[in-house]
Amino acid sequence: MRVLGIDPGYAIVGWGVVEYIGNRFTPVDFGAVTTPADMPFEQRLAAVYEGVSRVMRDYSPEALSIEQLFYQHNQTTVIGVAEARGVILLAAAQCGVPIFEYTPMQVKQAVTGYGKAVKKQVQEMTRVLLRLDKVPKPDDTADALAMAIAHCHCSRSRLQNMPLR
């Protein structure tokens, strides 16, 4: 199974493609789509859409694993992230890639076995599972790889195999 994990944003969109065969993870590729802060917001959204669409065309994932939007403090940021997330979901729909959403706690549980793990624990376990020399940078890329791993672990359940969109 080939899974594209996405950590949504509008300044940095982390992405990671993971192949999962026989309980073994293989990193295919990973990186980030970035937009400059001085770029008009609608152009940033277009760049996110184009970048994510290109990744999907290049790697032909069988599933997109993306974090459910979590609102904590900054209302302005959450709206922008929601809009960026919308263009990411649109790109997946137009590429015919099924979308699966996970909460931060589900990702932590799937990657580390502990739903309240801290970010460094998740990143280190991601590095170990993918047999990487170091944790990928930026952090958004490491988070995207964790999203892909989470879907691989969660997809074992028939209920989890049903896309939300």
N, C-alpha and C. Protein backbone atom coordinates (compact mmCIF):
# COMPACT_ATOMS: atom_id res chain seq x y z
N MET A 1 0.85 -1.17 0.00
CA MET A 1 0.00 0.00 0.00
C MET A 1 0.90 1.24 0.00
N ARG A 2 0.57 2.18 -0.85
CA ARG A 2 1.32 3.44 -0.91
C ARG A 2 0.44 4.55 -0.35
N VAL A 3 0.94 5.24 0.67
CA VAL A 3 0.16 6.26 1.38
C VAL A 3 0.91 7.59 1.36
N LEU A 4 0.17 8.64 1.07
CA LEU A 4 0.69 10.01 1.16
C LEU A 4 0.17 10.61 2.45
N GLY A 5 1.09 10.98 3.33
CA GLY A 5 0.73 11.69 4.55
C GLY A 5 0.93 13.18 4.32
N ILE A 6 0.01 13.98 4.84
CA ILE A 6 0.08 15.44 4.69
C ILE A 6 -0.08 16.10 6.05
N ASP A 7 0.81 17.05 6.34
CA ASP A 7 0.64 17.94 7.48
C ASP A 7 0.22 19.28 6.89
N PRO A 8 -1.07 19.63 6.96
CA PRO A 8 -1.56 20.80 6.24
C PRO A 8 -1.12 22.13 6.83
N GLY A 9 -1.01 23.11 5.96
CA GLY A 9 -0.66 24.47 6.33
C GLY A 9 -0.68 25.32 5.08
N TYR A 10 -0.37 26.58 5.23
CA TYR A 10 -0.28 27.44 4.04
C TYR A 10 1.12 28.02 3.87
N ALA A 11 1.92 28.04 4.92
CA ALA A 11 3.32 28.44 4.80
C ALA A 11 4.17 27.23 4.45
N ILE A 12 3.92 26.14 5.16
CA ILE A 12 4.64 24.87 4.93
C ILE A 12 3.62 23.73 4.95
N VAL A 13 3.60 22.97 3.89
CA VAL A 13 2.79 21.75 3.84
C VAL A 13 3.78 20.59 3.80
N GLY A 14 3.88 19.87 4.91
CA GLY A 14 4.75 18.70 4.93
C GLY A 14 4.07 17.56 4.21
N TRP A 15 4.87 16.77 3.47
CA TRP A 15 4.32 15.60 2.80
C TRP A 15 5.33 14.45 2.89
N GLY A 16 4.79 13.25 2.90
CA GLY A 16 5.64 12.07 2.94
C GLY A 16 4.91 10.90 2.32
N VAL A 17 5.59 10.19 1.43
CA VAL A 17 5.02 9.02 0.78
C VAL A 17 5.71 7.79 1.35
N VAL A 18 4.89 6.85 1.82
CA VAL A 18 5.38 5.64 2.47
C VAL A 18 4.77 4.43 1.78
N GLU A 19 5.60 3.43 1.55
CA GLU A 19 5.14 2.14 1.04
C GLU A 19 5.06 1.20 2.23
N TYR A 20 3.94 0.47 2.34
CA TYR A 20 3.75 -0.43 3.48
C TYR A 20 3.39 -1.80 2.93
N ILE A 21 4.32 -2.71 3.05
CA ILE A 21 4.12 -4.07 2.54
C ILE A 21 4.58 -5.06 3.62
N GLY A 22 3.69 -5.98 3.98
CA GLY A 22 4.04 -7.02 4.94
C GLY A 22 4.55 -6.49 6.27
N ASN A 23 3.87 -5.49 6.83
CA ASN A 23 4.25 -4.89 8.11
C ASN A 23 5.61 -4.20 8.07
N ARG A 24 6.08 -3.84 6.89
CA ARG A 24 7.36 -3.16 6.76
C ARG A 24 7.15 -1.84 6.02
N PHE A 25 7.71 -0.78 6.59
CA PHE A 25 7.60 0.55 6.01
C PHE A 25 8.84 0.86 5.17
N THR A 26 8.60 1.49 4.03
CA THR A 26 9.69 1.98 3.20
C THR A 26 9.37 3.42 2.82
N PRO A 27 10.25 4.35 3.18
CA PRO A 27 10.00 5.73 2.74
C PRO A 27 10.26 5.83 1.23
N VAL A 28 9.30 6.37 0.50
CA VAL A 28 9.45 6.56 -0.94
C VAL A 28 10.09 7.91 -1.19
N ASP A 29 9.51 8.96 -0.63
CA ASP A 29 10.06 10.30 -0.74
C ASP A 29 9.31 11.19 0.25
N PHE A 30 9.88 12.33 0.56
CA PHE A 30 9.23 13.27 1.46
C PHE A 30 9.80 14.65 1.23
N GLY A 31 9.04 15.65 1.67
CA GLY A 31 9.48 17.03 1.49
C GLY A 31 8.42 17.98 1.99
N ALA A 32 8.47 19.19 1.45
CA ALA A 32 7.51 20.22 1.87
C ALA A 32 7.21 21.13 0.69
N VAL A 33 5.97 21.57 0.65
CA VAL A 33 5.55 22.63 -0.26
C VAL A 33 5.58 23.90 0.59
N THR A 34 6.34 24.88 0.16
CA THR A 34 6.45 26.11 0.94
C THR A 34 5.99 27.31 0.13
N THR A 35 5.46 28.30 0.84
CA THR A 35 5.05 29.55 0.21
C THR A 35 5.62 30.72 1.01
N PRO A 36 6.06 31.76 0.33
CA PRO A 36 6.62 32.92 1.04
C PRO A 36 5.55 33.74 1.74
N ALA A 37 5.91 34.29 2.88
CA ALA A 37 4.97 35.06 3.70
C ALA A 37 4.45 36.30 2.98
N ASP A 38 5.22 36.86 2.05
CA ASP A 38 4.79 38.07 1.37
C ASP A 38 3.93 37.79 0.13
N MET A 39 3.69 36.54 -0.18
CA MET A 39 2.85 36.17 -1.32
C MET A 39 1.38 36.38 -0.94
N PRO A 40 0.56 36.95 -1.83
CA PRO A 40 -0.88 37.08 -1.52
C PRO A 40 -1.47 35.71 -1.17
N PHE A 41 -2.39 35.72 -0.21
CA PHE A 41 -2.89 34.46 0.33
C PHE A 41 -3.50 33.55 -0.73
N GLU A 42 -4.27 34.13 -1.66
CA GLU A 42 -4.89 33.29 -2.69
C GLU A 42 -3.83 32.62 -3.58
N GLN A 43 -2.71 33.29 -3.78
CA GLN A 43 -1.61 32.68 -4.54
C GLN A 43 -0.92 31.59 -3.73
N ARG A 44 -0.87 31.77 -2.42
CA ARG A 44 -0.32 30.73 -1.56
C ARG A 44 -1.18 29.47 -1.65
N LEU A 45 -2.51 29.65 -1.63
CA LEU A 45 -3.40 28.51 -1.76
C LEU A 45 -3.22 27.82 -3.12
N ALA A 46 -3.05 28.60 -4.16
CA ALA A 46 -2.83 28.02 -5.50
C ALA A 46 -1.52 27.23 -5.52
N ALA A 47 -0.49 27.76 -4.88
CA ALA A 47 0.80 27.07 -4.83
C ALA A 47 0.70 25.76 -4.04
N VAL A 48 -0.05 25.78 -2.94
CA VAL A 48 -0.27 24.56 -2.15
C VAL A 48 -0.99 23.53 -3.01
N TYR A 49 -2.05 23.96 -3.68
CA TYR A 49 -2.81 23.06 -4.55
C TYR A 49 -1.92 22.44 -5.62
N GLU A 50 -1.16 23.27 -6.30
CA GLU A 50 -0.29 22.79 -7.38
C GLU A 50 0.79 21.84 -6.84
N GLY A 51 1.39 22.21 -5.72
CA GLY A 51 2.44 21.38 -5.13
C GLY A 51 1.94 20.02 -4.70
N VAL A 52 0.81 19.99 -4.02
CA VAL A 52 0.24 18.72 -3.55
C VAL A 52 -0.24 17.89 -4.74
N SER A 53 -0.85 18.54 -5.73
CA SER A 53 -1.29 17.83 -6.93
C SER A 53 -0.11 17.17 -7.63
N ARG A 54 1.00 17.88 -7.72
CA ARG A 54 2.21 17.35 -8.36
C ARG A 54 2.73 16.11 -7.61
N VAL A 55 2.73 16.17 -6.28
CA VAL A 55 3.17 15.01 -5.49
C VAL A 55 2.26 13.82 -5.77
N MET A 56 0.97 14.06 -5.82
CA MET A 56 0.03 12.96 -6.09
C MET A 56 0.24 12.37 -7.48
N ARG A 57 0.45 13.23 -8.46
CA ARG A 57 0.71 12.73 -9.83
C ARG A 57 2.03 11.97 -9.90
N ASP A 58 3.04 12.47 -9.21
CA ASP A 58 4.37 11.84 -9.27
C ASP A 58 4.42 10.49 -8.57
N TYR A 59 3.67 10.33 -7.48
CA TYR A 59 3.82 9.14 -6.64
C TYR A 59 2.60 8.22 -6.61
N SER A 60 1.50 8.62 -7.20
CA SER A 60 0.29 7.79 -7.30
C SER A 60 -0.07 7.06 -6.00
N PRO A 61 -0.34 7.81 -4.93
CA PRO A 61 -0.70 7.15 -3.67
C PRO A 61 -2.07 6.49 -3.77
N GLU A 62 -2.24 5.44 -2.97
CA GLU A 62 -3.53 4.75 -2.89
C GLU A 62 -4.44 5.39 -1.84
N ALA A 63 -3.86 6.22 -0.98
CA ALA A 63 -4.63 6.88 0.08
C ALA A 63 -3.91 8.16 0.51
N LEU A 64 -4.70 9.12 0.96
CA LEU A 64 -4.18 10.35 1.56
C LEU A 64 -4.55 10.31 3.03
N SER A 65 -3.56 10.46 3.89
CA SER A 65 -3.77 10.52 5.33
C SER A 65 -3.49 11.95 5.77
N ILE A 66 -4.49 12.60 6.37
CA ILE A 66 -4.35 14.01 6.74
C ILE A 66 -4.91 14.22 8.14
N GLU A 67 -4.31 15.14 8.86
CA GLU A 67 -4.76 15.42 10.22
C GLU A 67 -6.08 16.17 10.22
N GLN A 68 -6.99 15.74 11.08
CA GLN A 68 -8.22 16.50 11.27
C GLN A 68 -7.84 17.85 11.84
N LEU A 69 -8.54 18.87 11.42
CA LEU A 69 -8.23 20.21 11.89
C LEU A 69 -8.52 20.33 13.38
N PHE A 70 -7.56 20.86 14.09
CA PHE A 70 -7.67 21.00 15.54
C PHE A 70 -7.50 22.46 15.90
N TYR A 71 -8.52 23.07 16.45
CA TYR A 71 -8.49 24.48 16.84
C TYR A 71 -8.06 24.58 18.29
N GLN A 72 -7.01 25.36 18.51
CA GLN A 72 -6.57 25.53 19.88
C GLN A 72 -6.65 26.98 20.34
N HIS A 73 -5.85 27.86 19.75
CA HIS A 73 -5.82 29.22 20.26
C HIS A 73 -6.00 30.29 19.19
N ASN A 74 -5.25 30.23 18.12
CA ASN A 74 -5.20 31.31 17.15
C ASN A 74 -6.26 31.15 16.07
N GLN A 75 -7.33 31.89 16.19
CA GLN A 75 -8.45 31.79 15.26
C GLN A 75 -8.04 32.18 13.84
N THR A 76 -7.18 33.16 13.68
CA THR A 76 -6.73 33.60 12.36
C THR A 76 -5.97 32.49 11.66
N THR A 77 -5.06 31.85 12.36
CA THR A 77 -4.27 30.78 11.78
C THR A 77 -5.14 29.58 11.40
N VAL A 78 -6.07 29.22 12.26
CA VAL A 78 -6.89 28.04 11.99
C VAL A 78 -7.74 28.22 10.74
N ILE A 79 -8.20 29.42 10.47
CA ILE A 79 -8.99 29.67 9.27
C ILE A 79 -8.11 29.49 8.03
N GLY A 80 -6.91 30.04 8.05
CA GLY A 80 -5.99 29.89 6.93
C GLY A 80 -5.61 28.44 6.69
N VAL A 81 -5.35 27.71 7.76
CA VAL A 81 -5.01 26.29 7.64
C VAL A 81 -6.21 25.52 7.09
N ALA A 82 -7.41 25.86 7.54
CA ALA A 82 -8.62 25.20 7.03
C ALA A 82 -8.77 25.44 5.54
N GLU A 83 -8.48 26.65 5.09
CA GLU A 83 -8.57 26.94 3.66
C GLU A 83 -7.51 26.17 2.88
N ALA A 84 -6.30 26.08 3.41
CA ALA A 84 -5.24 25.31 2.75
C ALA A 84 -5.61 23.83 2.73
N ARG A 85 -6.17 23.37 3.82
CA ARG A 85 -6.61 21.98 3.91
C ARG A 85 -7.68 21.70 2.85
N GLY A 86 -8.54 22.67 2.62
CA GLY A 86 -9.57 22.52 1.60
C GLY A 86 -9.00 22.32 0.21
N VAL A 87 -7.96 23.08 -0.15
CA VAL A 87 -7.38 22.89 -1.48
C VAL A 87 -6.62 21.57 -1.56
N ILE A 88 -6.09 21.10 -0.44
CA ILE A 88 -5.42 19.79 -0.41
C ILE A 88 -6.45 18.69 -0.64
N LEU A 89 -7.59 18.78 0.04
CA LEU A 89 -8.66 17.79 -0.15
C LEU A 89 -9.20 17.84 -1.58
N LEU A 90 -9.30 19.02 -2.14
CA LEU A 90 -9.73 19.16 -3.53
C LEU A 90 -8.74 18.47 -4.47
N ALA A 91 -7.45 18.68 -4.25
CA ALA A 91 -6.43 18.04 -5.08
C ALA A 91 -6.56 16.52 -5.02
N ALA A 92 -6.77 15.99 -3.81
CA ALA A 92 -6.92 14.54 -3.66
C ALA A 92 -8.16 14.05 -4.39
N ALA A 93 -9.27 14.76 -4.24
CA ALA A 93 -10.51 14.35 -4.91
C ALA A 93 -10.33 14.37 -6.42
N GLN A 94 -9.67 15.40 -6.94
CA GLN A 94 -9.48 15.49 -8.38
C GLN A 94 -8.50 14.45 -8.91
N CYS A 95 -7.60 13.98 -8.06
CA CYS A 95 -6.66 12.91 -8.46
C CYS A 95 -7.23 11.52 -8.17
N GLY A 96 -8.42 11.47 -7.57
CA GLY A 96 -9.05 10.19 -7.27
C GLY A 96 -8.42 9.43 -6.12
N VAL A 97 -7.81 10.17 -5.20
CA VAL A 97 -7.14 9.55 -4.05
C VAL A 97 -8.09 9.58 -2.85
N PRO A 98 -8.43 8.41 -2.28
CA PRO A 98 -9.29 8.38 -1.09
C PRO A 98 -8.65 9.11 0.09
N ILE A 99 -9.47 9.81 0.86
CA ILE A 99 -9.00 10.65 1.97
C ILE A 99 -9.37 10.00 3.30
N PHE A 100 -8.38 9.93 4.20
CA PHE A 100 -8.58 9.40 5.55
C PHE A 100 -8.07 10.45 6.52
N GLU A 101 -8.86 10.74 7.56
CA GLU A 101 -8.52 11.76 8.52
C GLU A 101 -8.28 11.14 9.90
N TYR A 102 -7.29 11.68 10.61
CA TYR A 102 -6.95 11.17 11.93
C TYR A 102 -6.72 12.34 12.88
N THR A 103 -7.09 12.13 14.13
CA THR A 103 -6.83 13.14 15.17
C THR A 103 -5.37 13.03 15.59
N PRO A 104 -4.83 14.08 16.19
CA PRO A 104 -3.46 14.00 16.70
C PRO A 104 -3.28 12.82 17.66
N MET A 105 -4.27 12.56 18.51
CA MET A 105 -4.16 11.45 19.46
C MET A 105 -4.10 10.10 18.73
N GLN A 106 -4.89 9.94 17.67
CA GLN A 106 -4.85 8.70 16.89
C GLN A 106 -3.48 8.49 16.25
N VAL A 107 -2.90 9.56 15.75
CA VAL A 107 -1.57 9.47 15.14
C VAL A 107 -0.54 9.07 16.18
N LYS A 108 -0.56 9.72 17.31
CA LYS A 108 0.39 9.39 18.39
C LYS A 108 0.25 7.94 18.82
N GLN A 109 -1.00 7.49 18.98
CA GLN A 109 -1.26 6.11 19.38
C GLN A 109 -0.75 5.13 18.33
N ALA A 110 -1.02 5.41 17.06
CA ALA A 110 -0.63 4.50 15.97
C ALA A 110 0.88 4.43 15.79
N VAL A 111 1.57 5.55 16.00
CA VAL A 111 3.02 5.59 15.75
C VAL A 111 3.82 5.14 16.97
N THR A 112 3.42 5.59 18.17
CA THR A 112 4.22 5.30 19.37
C THR A 112 3.58 4.28 20.30
N GLY A 113 2.29 4.06 20.13
CA GLY A 113 1.58 3.18 21.07
C GLY A 113 1.06 3.91 22.29
N TYR A 114 1.24 5.24 22.31
CA TYR A 114 0.80 6.05 23.45
C TYR A 114 0.16 7.33 22.91
N GLY A 115 -1.13 7.50 23.15
CA GLY A 115 -1.88 8.62 22.61
C GLY A 115 -1.51 9.99 23.13
N LYS A 116 -0.72 10.03 24.21
CA LYS A 116 -0.31 11.32 24.76
C LYS A 116 1.20 11.55 24.61
N ALA A 117 1.80 10.85 23.64
CA ALA A 117 3.24 11.02 23.38
C ALA A 117 3.52 12.47 22.98
N VAL A 118 4.74 12.91 23.28
CA VAL A 118 5.15 14.26 22.87
C VAL A 118 5.70 14.20 21.45
N LYS A 119 5.76 15.37 20.82
CA LYS A 119 6.17 15.48 19.43
C LYS A 119 7.51 14.80 19.15
N LYS A 120 8.50 14.99 20.01
CA LYS A 120 9.82 14.38 19.81
C LYS A 120 9.74 12.85 19.82
N GLN A 121 8.88 12.29 20.65
CA GLN A 121 8.72 10.83 20.68
C GLN A 121 8.12 10.33 19.37
N VAL A 122 7.14 11.03 18.85
CA VAL A 122 6.51 10.65 17.58
C VAL A 122 7.54 10.75 16.45
N GLN A 123 8.29 11.82 16.43
CA GLN A 123 9.29 12.00 15.37
C GLN A 123 10.39 10.94 15.45
N GLU A 124 10.82 10.61 16.63
CA GLU A 124 11.86 9.59 16.78
C GLU A 124 11.35 8.22 16.37
N MET A 125 10.12 7.88 16.75
CA MET A 125 9.57 6.59 16.36
C MET A 125 9.35 6.53 14.85
N THR A 126 8.96 7.66 14.25
CA THR A 126 8.83 7.74 12.79
C THR A 126 10.18 7.45 12.15
N ARG A 127 11.23 8.06 12.66
CA ARG A 127 12.59 7.83 12.14
C ARG A 127 12.96 6.36 12.24
N VAL A 128 12.68 5.74 13.37
CA VAL A 128 13.01 4.33 13.59
C VAL A 128 12.21 3.43 12.65
N LEU A 129 10.90 3.65 12.56
CA LEU A 129 10.05 2.80 11.72
C LEU A 129 10.45 2.88 10.24
N LEU A 130 10.92 4.06 9.82
CA LEU A 130 11.30 4.24 8.42
C LEU A 130 12.79 3.99 8.18
N ARG A 131 13.51 3.65 9.25
CA ARG A 131 14.94 3.36 9.16
C ARG A 131 15.72 4.52 8.53
N LEU A 132 15.44 5.73 9.02
CA LEU A 132 16.12 6.93 8.54
C LEU A 132 17.27 7.26 9.47
N ASP A 133 18.30 7.89 8.94
CA ASP A 133 19.45 8.29 9.76
C ASP A 133 19.11 9.40 10.75
N LYS A 134 18.22 10.29 10.33
CA LYS A 134 17.84 11.39 11.21
C LYS A 134 16.38 11.75 10.97
N VAL A 135 15.81 12.48 11.90
CA VAL A 135 14.43 12.94 11.77
C VAL A 135 14.37 13.95 10.63
N PRO A 136 13.46 13.77 9.67
CA PRO A 136 13.36 14.72 8.55
C PRO A 136 13.01 16.12 9.02
N LYS A 137 13.52 17.08 8.29
CA LYS A 137 13.22 18.49 8.54
C LYS A 137 12.57 19.07 7.30
N PRO A 138 11.72 20.03 7.38
CA PRO A 138 11.22 20.63 8.61
C PRO A 138 10.32 19.67 9.39
N ASP A 139 9.94 20.05 10.58
CA ASP A 139 9.08 19.22 11.43
C ASP A 139 7.80 18.81 10.71
N ASP A 140 7.30 19.68 9.84
CA ASP A 140 6.06 19.38 9.11
C ASP A 140 6.22 18.13 8.25
N THR A 141 7.41 17.91 7.72
CA THR A 141 7.68 16.73 6.91
C THR A 141 7.67 15.48 7.78
N ALA A 142 8.31 15.55 8.94
CA ALA A 142 8.30 14.42 9.86
C ALA A 142 6.87 14.12 10.31
N ASP A 143 6.08 15.16 10.55
CA ASP A 143 4.68 14.97 10.95
C ASP A 143 3.88 14.32 9.83
N ALA A 144 4.16 14.68 8.59
CA ALA A 144 3.46 14.08 7.45
C ALA A 144 3.79 12.59 7.33
N LEU A 145 5.04 12.23 7.54
CA LEU A 145 5.42 10.82 7.51
C LEU A 145 4.71 10.05 8.62
N ALA A 146 4.57 10.67 9.79
CA ALA A 146 3.83 10.03 10.89
C ALA A 146 2.37 9.83 10.50
N MET A 147 1.79 10.79 9.77
CA MET A 147 0.41 10.65 9.29
C MET A 147 0.29 9.43 8.39
N ALA A 148 1.26 9.25 7.49
CA ALA A 148 1.23 8.09 6.58
C ALA A 148 1.35 6.79 7.36
N ILE A 149 2.25 6.75 8.32
CA ILE A 149 2.42 5.55 9.15
C ILE A 149 1.13 5.24 9.91
N ALA A 150 0.51 6.29 10.45
CA ALA A 150 -0.73 6.09 11.20
C ALA A 150 -1.79 5.44 10.32
N HIS A 151 -1.93 5.88 9.10
CA HIS A 151 -2.93 5.27 8.23
C HIS A 151 -2.58 3.81 7.95
N CYS A 152 -1.32 3.52 7.73
CA CYS A 152 -0.92 2.13 7.47
C CYS A 152 -1.30 1.23 8.64
N HIS A 153 -1.05 1.70 9.86
CA HIS A 153 -1.41 0.92 11.04
C HIS A 153 -2.93 0.82 11.21
N CYS A 154 -3.62 1.92 11.02
CA CYS A 154 -5.07 1.95 11.23
C CYS A 154 -5.84 1.26 10.12
N SER A 155 -5.29 1.16 8.94
CA SER A 155 -6.02 0.60 7.80
C SER A 155 -6.21 -0.91 7.91
N ARG A 156 -5.59 -1.52 8.88
CA ARG A 156 -5.79 -2.96 9.10
C ARG A 156 -7.23 -3.27 9.46
N SER A 157 -7.91 -2.31 10.09
CA SER A 157 -9.31 -2.48 10.47
C SER A 157 -10.20 -2.19 9.27
N ARG A 158 -11.17 -3.05 9.02
CA ARG A 158 -12.09 -2.84 7.90
C ARG A 158 -12.85 -1.53 8.04
N LEU A 159 -13.19 -1.13 9.24
CA LEU A 159 -13.92 0.12 9.44
C LEU A 159 -13.06 1.30 9.03
N GLN A 160 -11.76 1.23 9.26
CA GLN A 160 -10.86 2.33 8.91
C GLN A 160 -10.62 2.41 7.40
N ASN A 161 -10.94 1.35 6.65
CA ASN A 161 -10.71 1.36 5.22
C ASN A 161 -11.73 2.16 4.43
N MET A 162 -12.74 2.67 5.11
CA MET A 162 -13.75 3.45 4.41
C MET A 162 -13.34 4.91 4.42
N PRO A 163 -13.13 5.51 3.22
CA PRO A 163 -12.74 6.92 3.18
C PRO A 163 -13.85 7.81 3.73
N LEU A 164 -13.45 8.95 4.31
CA LEU A 164 -14.41 9.89 4.87
C LEU A 164 -15.02 10.76 3.77
N ARG A 165 -14.37 10.84 2.65
CA ARG A 165 -14.85 11.69 1.54
C ARG A 165 -14.93 10.89 0.29
